[in-house]
Amino acid sequence: MAARRSKAKAKAQEPGFLEALKELAREKGVEEEVLFDAIEAALISAYKRNFGSAQNVRVVLDRTTGAYHVYAIKTVVETVEDDVQEISLAQARTIRPDYEVDDVLEIEVTPANFGRIAAQTAKQVVVQRVREAERGIIYEEFMSREGDIITGLVSRVENRNVFIDLGKTEAVLTPTEQIAGETYEHGDRIKAYIVEVKKTSKGPQIVVSRTHPGLLKRLFELEVPEIQEGIVEIKSVAREPGMRSKIAVYSKDDDVDPVGSCVGHKGMRVQAVVDELGSEKIDIVKWNEDSAKFIANALSPAKVVSVAVNEDEKVSRVVVPDYQLSLAIGKEGQNARLAAKLTGWKIDIKSESQAADEVLDAGMSEVAVESDASFTAEGE
């Protein structure tokens, strides 16, 4: 049956309550109805807590006047067995003569001193809901920026975790995402790569990295207009943070040199990236759809004599001049390791004298290859 309501006397909120509530909703980007509903739900709990009531009650906050009512909800019955939830037909008809059994009525039970409790409760709810809404907005904003770069100021360092102030919120740079040897002081301005945005009870947690290959890629995108315009493309990145990195670049325009674009006039573009990464060496090589050519380029700055590839197994054998063998392999195998990461191929490097004594594996055909021009940037 439809609920019917007994006559009620409105209890008004303090002047300006509605205006303040609506203004706050607009300012914080929260829907007004969300705040109204939350206040009503909280007032029900406040009423039961402060007045020891087990009644089924409903609170109505008038959206126009700001007045509020507390109603006890009761079912009309012939014989009352639970006077908290039920009201007799005879008593109901003293309120309104057309009530019938099973009707549901609402009786005004707003306490005279409920205003102070209501105001305090409303304030608490609004603060909480606004905080939740702000956290939600920040979460959505940074969720859409996963894989992007942020710039912030180091606010503090706790247990080797570096906290970066982003204005509205902060990001955390954990020890595993820090470049070895880097130090972070309060007030330092740093760039970092957004790895993940998590929802927590304390708001969004933004996890950033200084070691992710994506940071190197995004830094070049910021420094090189040709990349922003889509003329030059970064095809792949391999990185050993703080030590050395390689990027493979490609130009969609034959008249635009992809390596030169990334280097910039007098090396200014690549140097800006190197400076941001703490003097990490960066090899810029030209990508090629020919696997053998790309592998030769990836081993820069070493010169390559020939490359044999097995396309099915992604295995290659590279021959370099005897005097270039240590350069091609690199210190502790670093150059060869980065080239393998950059290309996605397993690379076996031999000197000319070593290769002369060996027979190529089945499925491989050796071709002479001359590396394209590349560039290596180093910190000063």
Protein backbone atom coordinates (compact mmCIF):
# COMPACT_ATOMS: atom_id res chain seq x y z
CA MET A 1 0.00 0.00 0.00
CA ALA A 2 1.17 3.56 -0.58
CA ALA A 3 2.66 5.34 2.39
CA ARG A 4 0.66 8.20 3.87
CA ARG A 5 2.19 10.92 5.98
CA SER A 6 0.87 12.55 9.14
CA LYS A 7 1.08 16.32 9.47
CA ALA A 8 4.59 17.47 10.19
CA LYS A 9 6.26 20.63 11.32
CA ALA A 10 9.38 21.53 9.34
CA LYS A 11 12.65 22.06 11.15
CA ALA A 12 14.71 24.62 9.27
CA GLN A 13 18.44 24.47 8.77
CA GLU A 14 20.54 27.51 9.63
CA PRO A 15 20.39 30.35 7.05
CA GLY A 16 22.55 29.92 4.02
CA PHE A 17 22.87 26.16 4.46
CA LEU A 18 21.44 25.30 1.05
CA GLU A 19 23.40 28.02 -0.72
CA ALA A 20 26.64 26.91 0.91
CA LEU A 21 25.93 23.28 0.08
CA LYS A 22 25.16 24.01 -3.56
CA GLU A 23 28.17 26.30 -3.94
CA LEU A 24 30.44 23.63 -2.45
CA ALA A 25 29.00 21.02 -4.82
CA ARG A 26 29.75 23.26 -7.80
CA GLU A 27 33.23 24.14 -6.59
CA LYS A 28 34.26 20.54 -5.93
CA GLY A 29 32.49 18.99 -8.90
CA VAL A 30 30.10 16.92 -6.76
CA GLU A 31 26.46 16.39 -7.69
CA GLU A 32 24.11 18.17 -5.25
CA GLU A 33 21.84 15.13 -4.96
CA VAL A 34 24.76 12.96 -3.88
CA LEU A 35 25.32 15.30 -0.91
CA PHE A 36 21.60 15.49 -0.06
CA ASP A 37 21.23 11.70 -0.09
CA ALA A 38 24.35 11.26 2.03
CA ILE A 39 23.15 13.80 4.60
CA GLU A 40 19.74 12.12 4.87
CA ALA A 41 21.34 8.70 5.38
CA ALA A 42 23.69 10.09 8.02
CA LEU A 43 20.85 11.87 9.85
CA ILE A 44 19.00 8.56 10.20
CA SER A 45 22.03 7.05 11.92
CA ALA A 46 22.48 10.16 14.05
CA TYR A 47 18.85 10.07 15.17
CA LYS A 48 19.01 6.41 16.18
CA ARG A 49 22.38 6.86 17.90
CA ASN A 50 21.42 9.96 19.90
CA PHE A 51 17.84 9.07 20.79
CA GLY A 52 18.20 5.31 21.30
CA SER A 53 15.52 4.59 18.79
CA ALA A 54 14.99 1.22 17.11
CA GLN A 55 12.27 2.69 14.96
CA ASN A 56 12.29 2.44 11.20
CA VAL A 57 12.68 6.10 10.36
CA ARG A 58 13.11 8.27 7.32
CA VAL A 59 14.70 11.70 7.14
CA VAL A 60 13.70 14.16 4.45
CA LEU A 61 15.81 17.23 3.72
CA ASP A 62 13.84 19.72 1.66
CA ARG A 63 15.83 20.66 -1.45
CA THR A 64 14.13 24.07 -1.66
CA THR A 65 13.89 25.36 1.89
CA GLY A 66 16.54 23.36 3.70
CA ALA A 67 13.96 22.22 6.25
CA TYR A 68 14.20 18.65 7.51
CA HIS A 69 11.72 16.13 8.93
CA VAL A 70 12.23 12.85 10.79
CA TYR A 71 9.42 10.35 10.27
CA ALA A 72 8.77 7.07 12.06
CA ILE A 73 7.43 4.53 9.55
CA LYS A 74 4.69 2.23 10.89
CA THR A 75 2.36 -0.37 9.40
CA VAL A 76 -1.36 -0.24 10.24
CA VAL A 77 -2.57 -3.49 11.89
CA GLU A 78 -5.67 -4.70 13.74
CA THR A 79 -3.72 -5.80 16.81
CA VAL A 80 -0.31 -4.33 17.65
CA GLU A 81 2.40 -6.87 18.45
CA ASP A 82 5.38 -4.58 17.88
CA ASP A 83 4.69 -0.99 18.85
CA VAL A 84 7.96 0.15 17.31
CA GLN A 85 7.05 -0.99 13.81
CA GLU A 86 3.24 -1.11 14.02
CA ILE A 87 0.26 1.11 14.85
CA SER A 88 -3.30 0.01 15.54
CA LEU A 89 -6.03 0.77 13.05
CA ALA A 90 -7.96 2.66 15.72
CA GLN A 91 -4.99 4.92 16.57
CA ALA A 92 -4.16 5.43 12.87
CA ARG A 93 -7.70 6.64 12.24
CA THR A 94 -7.33 9.29 14.91
CA ILE A 95 -4.64 10.73 12.66
CA ARG A 96 -6.55 10.21 9.44
CA PRO A 97 -9.92 8.47 9.20
CA ASP A 98 -9.34 6.74 5.84
CA TYR A 99 -6.39 4.56 6.95
CA GLU A 100 -6.85 0.82 6.35
CA VAL A 101 -5.03 -2.30 7.57
CA ASP A 102 -1.61 -2.77 5.83
CA ASP A 103 -1.34 0.93 5.04
CA VAL A 104 2.04 2.43 5.87
CA LEU A 105 2.09 5.78 7.56
CA GLU A 106 4.80 8.16 8.64
CA ILE A 107 4.58 10.01 11.92
CA GLU A 108 6.61 13.15 12.59
CA VAL A 109 9.12 12.38 15.37
CA THR A 110 11.67 15.12 14.88
CA PRO A 111 13.12 15.95 18.33
CA ALA A 112 13.07 19.59 19.40
CA ASN A 113 16.84 19.64 19.92
CA PHE A 114 17.70 17.75 16.73
CA GLY A 115 18.89 20.89 14.96
CA ARG A 116 22.35 20.95 16.56
CA ILE A 117 22.90 17.26 15.85
CA ALA A 118 21.63 17.65 12.29
CA ALA A 119 23.95 20.58 11.58
CA GLN A 120 27.00 18.79 13.00
CA THR A 121 26.16 15.58 11.13
CA ALA A 122 25.57 17.42 7.85
CA LYS A 123 28.94 19.14 8.16
CA GLN A 124 30.75 15.84 8.77
CA VAL A 125 29.01 14.14 5.85
CA VAL A 126 29.67 17.00 3.45
CA VAL A 127 33.37 17.08 4.36
CA GLN A 128 33.62 13.31 3.93
CA ARG A 129 31.73 13.19 0.63
CA VAL A 130 33.64 16.14 -0.79
CA ARG A 131 36.90 14.45 0.16
CA GLU A 132 35.75 11.22 -1.51
CA ALA A 133 34.66 13.12 -4.60
CA GLU A 134 37.97 14.97 -4.82
CA ARG A 135 39.83 11.67 -4.50
CA GLY A 136 37.66 10.24 -7.25
CA ILE A 137 38.39 13.16 -9.55
CA ILE A 138 42.13 12.89 -8.89
CA TYR A 139 42.00 9.13 -9.48
CA GLU A 140 40.22 9.54 -12.83
CA GLU A 141 42.61 12.30 -13.88
CA PHE A 142 45.75 10.29 -13.21
CA MET A 143 44.28 6.97 -14.40
CA SER A 144 44.01 8.58 -17.83
CA ARG A 145 47.68 9.58 -17.57
CA GLU A 146 49.15 6.12 -16.93
CA GLY A 147 52.14 5.83 -19.25
CA ASP A 148 52.71 9.59 -19.19
CA ILE A 149 55.30 11.79 -17.50
CA ILE A 150 54.67 13.89 -14.41
CA THR A 151 56.83 16.69 -13.05
CA GLY A 152 56.84 17.41 -9.35
CA LEU A 153 58.85 18.47 -6.33
CA VAL A 154 60.35 16.05 -3.84
CA SER A 155 58.36 16.64 -0.65
CA ARG A 156 59.97 14.01 1.60
CA VAL A 157 61.91 10.76 1.72
CA GLU A 158 60.70 8.00 4.05
CA ASN A 159 62.21 4.52 4.28
CA ARG A 160 63.90 5.13 0.92
CA ASN A 161 60.50 5.92 -0.66
CA VAL A 162 60.53 9.30 -2.38
CA PHE A 163 57.27 11.26 -2.24
CA ILE A 164 56.69 13.75 -5.05
CA ASP A 165 54.31 16.68 -4.63
CA LEU A 166 52.06 17.04 -7.68
CA GLY A 167 49.92 19.85 -6.32
CA LYS A 168 46.55 18.14 -5.82
CA THR A 169 48.13 14.91 -4.64
CA GLU A 170 51.48 13.17 -4.41
CA ALA A 171 53.23 10.28 -6.14
CA VAL A 172 55.55 7.69 -4.67
CA LEU A 173 58.86 6.63 -6.18
CA THR A 174 59.77 3.31 -4.57
CA PRO A 175 63.39 2.11 -4.21
CA THR A 176 63.02 -0.40 -7.06
CA GLU A 177 61.94 2.39 -9.43
CA GLN A 178 64.86 4.69 -8.58
CA ILE A 179 67.99 5.03 -10.70
CA ALA A 180 70.96 3.56 -8.85
CA GLY A 181 73.20 6.29 -7.51
CA GLU A 182 70.61 9.06 -7.77
CA THR A 183 69.92 11.10 -4.64
CA TYR A 184 66.71 12.98 -3.97
CA GLU A 185 66.57 16.06 -1.78
CA HIS A 186 63.60 18.04 -0.51
CA GLY A 187 62.55 20.58 -3.13
CA ASP A 188 64.24 18.81 -6.06
CA ARG A 189 62.21 19.07 -9.28
CA ILE A 190 62.12 15.71 -11.07
CA LYS A 191 60.30 13.99 -13.89
CA ALA A 192 58.95 10.46 -13.52
CA TYR A 193 56.87 7.97 -15.49
CA ILE A 194 53.42 7.00 -14.19
CA VAL A 195 53.47 3.21 -13.89
CA GLU A 196 50.23 2.59 -12.02
CA VAL A 197 47.39 4.41 -10.27
CA LYS A 198 45.76 2.47 -7.42
CA LYS A 199 42.59 3.13 -5.43
CA THR A 200 43.17 2.99 -1.66
CA SER A 201 41.17 3.91 1.43
CA LYS A 202 43.34 7.02 1.77
CA GLY A 203 42.82 8.08 -1.84
CA PRO A 204 44.62 7.34 -5.11
CA GLN A 205 48.18 6.07 -4.88
CA ILE A 206 50.27 7.10 -7.88
CA VAL A 207 53.29 4.87 -8.44
CA VAL A 208 55.99 6.39 -10.62
CA SER A 209 59.30 5.25 -12.04
CA ARG A 210 62.63 6.70 -13.05
CA THR A 211 63.85 3.37 -14.47
CA HIS A 212 61.00 2.43 -16.84
CA PRO A 213 61.87 2.41 -20.59
CA GLY A 214 58.72 4.46 -21.11
CA LEU A 215 60.34 7.41 -19.34
CA LEU A 216 63.09 7.56 -21.96
CA LYS A 217 60.54 7.34 -24.76
CA ARG A 218 58.32 10.06 -23.33
CA LEU A 219 61.29 12.38 -22.71
CA PHE A 220 62.23 12.17 -26.38
CA GLU A 221 58.62 12.78 -27.36
CA LEU A 222 58.69 15.98 -25.30
CA GLU A 223 62.00 17.17 -26.77
CA VAL A 224 61.57 16.23 -30.45
CA PRO A 225 58.86 18.08 -32.45
CA GLU A 226 59.12 15.56 -35.30
CA ILE A 227 58.00 12.82 -32.90
CA GLN A 228 55.10 14.95 -31.65
CA GLU A 229 54.06 15.56 -35.26
CA GLY A 230 54.17 11.83 -36.06
CA ILE A 231 56.94 12.14 -38.66
CA VAL A 232 59.54 10.33 -36.57
CA GLU A 233 58.58 7.24 -34.58
CA ILE A 234 60.36 5.51 -31.73
CA LYS A 235 60.13 1.84 -32.65
CA SER A 236 61.74 0.30 -29.58
CA VAL A 237 63.64 1.14 -26.41
CA ALA A 238 66.16 -0.87 -24.38
CA ARG A 239 67.43 0.48 -21.12
CA GLU A 240 69.77 -0.26 -18.24
CA PRO A 241 68.83 2.72 -16.05
CA GLY A 242 71.58 5.11 -15.07
CA MET A 243 74.10 3.37 -17.30
CA ARG A 244 73.18 3.02 -20.96
CA SER A 245 70.15 2.95 -23.22
CA LYS A 246 69.38 2.40 -26.88
CA ILE A 247 66.44 3.71 -28.89
CA ALA A 248 65.53 2.71 -32.46
CA VAL A 249 63.93 5.46 -34.52
CA TYR A 250 62.26 5.57 -37.93
CA SER A 251 61.15 8.39 -40.20
CA LYS A 252 58.01 8.27 -42.34
CA ASP A 253 59.48 11.06 -44.47
CA ASP A 254 62.57 10.18 -46.51
CA ASP A 255 63.71 13.79 -46.27
CA VAL A 256 63.77 13.71 -42.46
CA ASP A 257 66.69 12.03 -40.71
CA PRO A 258 65.26 10.30 -37.62
CA VAL A 259 68.60 10.09 -35.81
CA GLY A 260 69.42 13.73 -36.53
CA SER A 261 65.97 14.84 -35.38
CA CYS A 262 66.48 13.16 -32.01
CA VAL A 263 70.00 14.53 -31.63
CA GLY A 264 69.02 18.11 -32.43
CA HIS A 265 71.19 21.12 -33.23
CA LYS A 266 74.56 20.65 -31.53
CA GLY A 267 73.06 17.69 -29.67
CA MET A 268 70.77 19.91 -27.60
CA ARG A 269 67.69 17.64 -27.76
CA VAL A 270 69.39 14.43 -26.73
CA GLN A 271 71.51 16.27 -24.16
CA ALA A 272 68.35 17.49 -22.43
CA VAL A 273 67.26 13.86 -22.07
CA VAL A 274 70.70 12.77 -20.86
CA ASP A 275 70.74 15.53 -18.25
CA GLU A 276 67.31 14.50 -16.96
CA LEU A 277 68.46 10.88 -16.59
CA GLY A 278 71.60 11.62 -14.65
CA SER A 279 74.15 11.33 -17.48
CA GLU A 280 72.89 7.99 -18.78
CA LYS A 281 74.56 7.17 -22.11
CA ILE A 282 72.08 6.96 -24.98
CA ASP A 283 72.63 5.31 -28.37
CA ILE A 284 70.24 6.51 -31.06
CA VAL A 285 70.07 4.06 -33.97
CA LYS A 286 68.02 3.83 -37.12
CA TRP A 287 65.31 1.18 -37.25
CA ASN A 288 65.11 -0.96 -40.40
CA GLU A 289 62.51 -3.50 -41.47
CA ASP A 290 65.37 -5.66 -42.69
CA SER A 291 66.25 -7.70 -39.58
CA ALA A 292 69.93 -8.06 -40.47
CA LYS A 293 70.29 -4.32 -41.04
CA PHE A 294 68.47 -3.49 -37.82
CA ILE A 295 70.65 -5.86 -35.79
CA ALA A 296 73.78 -4.28 -37.27
CA ASN A 297 72.49 -0.81 -36.37
CA ALA A 298 71.56 -1.92 -32.86
CA LEU A 299 75.15 -2.89 -32.10
CA SER A 300 76.30 0.70 -32.61
CA PRO A 301 78.85 2.11 -32.00
CA ALA A 302 80.53 -1.10 -33.19
CA LYS A 303 80.99 -1.62 -36.95
CA VAL A 304 79.53 -4.82 -38.39
CA VAL A 305 80.93 -6.90 -41.27
CA SER A 306 78.04 -9.30 -41.78
CA VAL A 307 74.88 -10.65 -40.18
CA ALA A 308 73.30 -14.09 -40.58
CA VAL A 309 69.73 -14.57 -39.38
CA ASN A 310 67.27 -17.37 -38.74
CA GLU A 311 63.87 -15.67 -38.99
CA ASP A 312 61.95 -18.63 -37.58
CA GLU A 313 63.95 -18.83 -34.37
CA LYS A 314 64.89 -15.16 -34.10
CA VAL A 315 68.56 -16.11 -33.81
CA SER A 316 71.40 -14.22 -35.47
CA ARG A 317 75.18 -14.41 -35.84
CA VAL A 318 77.03 -11.15 -36.23
CA VAL A 319 80.59 -10.85 -37.48
CA VAL A 320 82.65 -7.80 -36.54
CA PRO A 321 86.28 -6.85 -37.20
CA ASP A 322 88.66 -8.38 -34.66
CA TYR A 323 89.49 -4.98 -33.18
CA GLN A 324 85.77 -4.19 -32.75
CA LEU A 325 84.83 -7.35 -30.83
CA SER A 326 85.14 -5.90 -27.32
CA LEU A 327 83.27 -2.75 -28.40
CA ALA A 328 80.45 -4.80 -29.94
CA ILE A 329 80.07 -6.91 -26.80
CA GLY A 330 80.53 -3.98 -24.46
CA LYS A 331 81.58 -3.84 -20.84
CA GLU A 332 80.25 -6.96 -19.12
CA GLY A 333 78.24 -7.69 -22.29
CA GLN A 334 76.14 -4.55 -21.95
CA ASN A 335 76.16 -3.43 -25.61
CA ALA A 336 75.22 -6.89 -26.91
CA ARG A 337 72.56 -7.28 -24.20
CA LEU A 338 70.91 -3.95 -25.02
CA ALA A 339 71.01 -4.70 -28.76
CA ALA A 340 69.23 -8.00 -28.11
CA LYS A 341 66.54 -6.23 -26.05
CA LEU A 342 66.15 -3.52 -28.67
CA THR A 343 65.70 -5.93 -31.58
CA GLY A 344 64.04 -8.86 -29.85
CA TRP A 345 66.67 -11.18 -31.35
CA LYS A 346 69.23 -13.48 -29.80
CA ILE A 347 72.60 -12.18 -31.02
CA ASP A 348 75.81 -14.20 -31.17
CA ILE A 349 78.81 -11.97 -31.87
CA LYS A 350 81.99 -13.31 -33.48
CA SER A 351 85.20 -11.69 -34.63
CA GLU A 352 86.25 -12.23 -38.26
CA SER A 353 88.98 -14.64 -37.23
CA GLN A 354 86.56 -16.65 -35.07
CA ALA A 355 83.93 -16.76 -37.81
CA ALA A 356 86.45 -18.05 -40.36
CA ASP A 357 86.80 -21.27 -38.37
CA GLU A 358 83.07 -21.87 -37.92
CA VAL A 359 80.25 -23.13 -40.11
CA LEU A 360 76.90 -21.35 -40.16
CA ASP A 361 73.97 -23.07 -38.48
CA ALA A 362 71.27 -24.55 -40.68
CA GLY A 363 68.63 -22.06 -41.79
CA MET A 364 71.04 -19.13 -41.75
CA SER A 365 72.30 -17.15 -44.70
CA GLU A 366 75.04 -14.60 -44.17
CA VAL A 367 74.92 -11.18 -45.80
CA ALA A 368 77.37 -8.31 -45.71
CA VAL A 369 75.91 -5.38 -43.80
CA GLU A 370 77.02 -1.80 -43.35
CA SER A 371 75.59 -0.01 -40.32
CA ASP A 372 73.62 3.20 -40.75
CA ALA A 373 74.77 6.35 -39.03
CA SER A 374 74.02 6.41 -35.31
CA PHE A 375 74.69 8.72 -32.39
CA THR A 376 75.83 8.15 -28.83
CA ALA A 377 75.18 10.82 -26.21
CA GLU A 378 77.05 10.88 -22.93
CA GLY A 379 76.79 13.03 -19.89
CA GLU A 380 79.45 15.62 -19.34
